[in-house]
Every structure is written in C-alpha cells, then in structure tokens.
Amino acid sequence: MKADIHPKYQDAEIRCACGNIIKTRSIKLSMLIGICNACHPFYTGTQKFVDTAGRVDKFQQRMAKTAAAQAVAASKKKKK
C-alpha cells in the first residue's frame, strides 16, 4: 500500500434524533441520523408514527392544493 494516501480512521459518534448515541469508528467524526435501531418501529415492535423532516405534512399540504385546484377546474367546467 502507498503511504499517506488513506484517510484517518478514528473514533466516531452517531447521534439519532431520539437522543441515542452510538460509538463506532469512521473517517467522519460525527454523523446525525433521523432514526436508529432504538426508535425504529421494526426493531422496537411498537407502532408509532415516524415523520421524517415533516414529509407527511408537506404531502398533505400538496394534496390539499391539488384538491382545491381540481374543485376550481370542475366549477369552471360546470359554468360553461
């Protein structure tokens, strides 16, 4: 192997949104994740609603706009 071309492999910390901290080794010092094995419904066996970065709320807002636009289009079509 060539010397001095590989990244430094060091102790790292993975932090979850639930507060869980996992110690490991990596070339990055820290990583932030949204969901881990301590809070994921598959591993815990509990049903809970997981909303990552408000994606469900954004989807519902987009669907409401679409439904409103379709209603306006339908009312214009009936007037003709």
Protein backbone atom coordinates (compact mmCIF):
# COMPACT_ATOMS: atom_id res chain seq x y z
CA MET A 1 0.00 0.00 0.00
CA LYS A 2 1.08 3.54 -0.60
CA ALA A 3 1.84 5.62 2.47
CA ASP A 4 -0.07 8.80 3.38
CA ILE A 5 -2.95 8.42 0.89
CA HIS A 6 -5.60 6.83 3.12
CA PRO A 7 -7.98 8.86 5.30
CA LYS A 8 -7.51 8.75 9.05
CA TYR A 9 -9.70 6.08 10.68
CA GLN A 10 -10.79 7.40 14.07
CA ASP A 11 -13.41 7.08 16.80
CA ALA A 12 -16.77 8.48 15.66
CA GLU A 13 -20.15 9.27 17.16
CA ILE A 14 -23.54 8.70 15.54
CA ARG A 15 -26.37 10.77 17.03
CA CYS A 16 -30.02 9.99 16.43
CA ALA A 17 -32.94 12.42 16.65
CA CYS A 18 -34.31 10.40 19.58
CA GLY A 19 -31.16 11.11 21.60
CA ASN A 20 -29.47 7.74 21.16
CA ILE A 21 -25.68 7.93 20.75
CA ILE A 22 -23.74 5.14 19.04
CA LYS A 23 -19.95 4.93 19.29
CA THR A 24 -18.11 3.49 16.29
CA ARG A 25 -15.09 4.13 14.09
CA SER A 26 -15.14 6.02 10.81
CA ILE A 27 -13.36 8.66 8.77
CA LYS A 28 -16.07 11.16 9.82
CA LEU A 29 -16.05 12.40 13.42
CA SER A 30 -19.82 12.67 13.83
CA MET A 31 -22.99 11.79 11.94
CA LEU A 32 -26.58 12.88 12.50
CA ILE A 33 -29.38 10.47 11.59
CA GLY A 34 -33.15 10.74 11.80
CA ILE A 35 -33.99 7.26 13.04
CA CYS A 36 -31.98 4.43 14.61
CA ASN A 37 -32.50 0.90 15.89
CA ALA A 38 -33.57 2.21 19.32
CA CYS A 39 -36.53 4.17 17.94
CA HIS A 40 -37.42 2.43 14.65
CA PRO A 41 -40.81 0.64 14.81
CA PHE A 42 -39.42 -2.50 13.15
CA TYR A 43 -36.87 -3.07 15.91
CA THR A 44 -38.94 -1.86 18.88
CA GLY A 45 -42.11 -3.74 17.94
CA THR A 46 -44.28 -0.74 18.76
CA GLN A 47 -46.42 1.10 16.28
CA LYS A 48 -45.56 4.76 16.15
CA PHE A 49 -45.87 7.46 13.55
CA VAL A 50 -42.46 8.35 12.11
CA ASP A 51 -42.47 11.69 10.30
CA THR A 52 -39.04 12.45 8.86
CA ALA A 53 -38.46 16.16 8.34
CA GLY A 54 -42.20 16.89 8.04
CA ARG A 55 -42.59 14.92 4.82
CA VAL A 56 -46.08 13.69 5.68
CA ASP A 57 -47.25 17.22 6.46
CA LYS A 58 -45.74 18.54 3.21
CA PHE A 59 -47.50 15.76 1.28
CA GLN A 60 -50.86 16.57 2.89
CA GLN A 61 -50.46 20.27 2.07
CA ARG A 62 -49.65 19.43 -1.55
CA MET A 63 -52.68 17.15 -1.80
CA ALA A 64 -54.94 19.88 -0.37
CA LYS A 65 -53.71 22.31 -3.04
CA THR A 66 -54.34 19.71 -5.75
CA ALA A 67 -57.86 19.02 -4.48
CA ALA A 68 -58.63 22.76 -4.37
CA ALA A 69 -57.33 23.24 -7.92
CA GLN A 70 -59.44 20.31 -9.15
CA ALA A 71 -62.54 21.76 -7.47
CA VAL A 72 -61.98 25.16 -9.14
CA ALA A 73 -61.48 23.47 -12.52
CA ALA A 74 -64.66 21.44 -12.05
CA SER A 75 -66.70 24.52 -11.12
CA LYS A 76 -65.42 26.41 -14.19
CA LYS A 77 -66.35 23.45 -16.39
CA LYS A 78 -69.91 23.38 -14.99
CA LYS A 79 -70.40 27.13 -15.68
CA LYS A 80 -69.72 26.67 -19.41
